[in-house]
Amino acid sequence: MIRDVEVAGWELALLPGQDPAELGEEEYFGYGVDAGTGCFYDASAENAFPGTQEEEGAVWAAMESVGHGPDVFMAQGEDGHNLAGFTSGWGDGSYPTWIGRAADGSVACFLTDFFVVPHAAETETETETETETGAGAETGVQAP
């Protein structure tokens, strides 16, 4: 969360040159996850966490402090920069991030979809199929 305000709308986070109009129905732009861990930090903090590429330093110490499994951690870098890290749920891969905007257009929060919580349409399809075929039957909803 960036600001404690209601989110009025969502948009896919994009890098310069990325055009969502070029994407197919099931496609998205995302960021790569390695070691089953993603993170958010400000672009100005790019060099605030030395040793990360060598699996050393503040980020790795923070990751190791929480152990294995779903968790969130904070790492403090040089010059007061912070990084919020979290496990990705399904492991390595590419995952989309969404920007939540307040009514005035300012950024309220960021959210990465790791595909571990079913979308409303998937939940409805699963419920309808279970009702039609009985509990425990094939639902037609595929896991990510």
Foldseek 3Di string as FASTA:
>chain_A
DAAPADFPDKDWDDDPPDDCVPDDPPDDAFDWDAPQKDKDWDPVCPPFFPPVVVCDGQVNVQVPVVPDDWDWTKGAGPPRTIMIMTGLVVHTDTWIKMFGAHPVRDTDDIDTCSQPDDDPVLVVQQVVQCVVPNPPDDRPRDRD
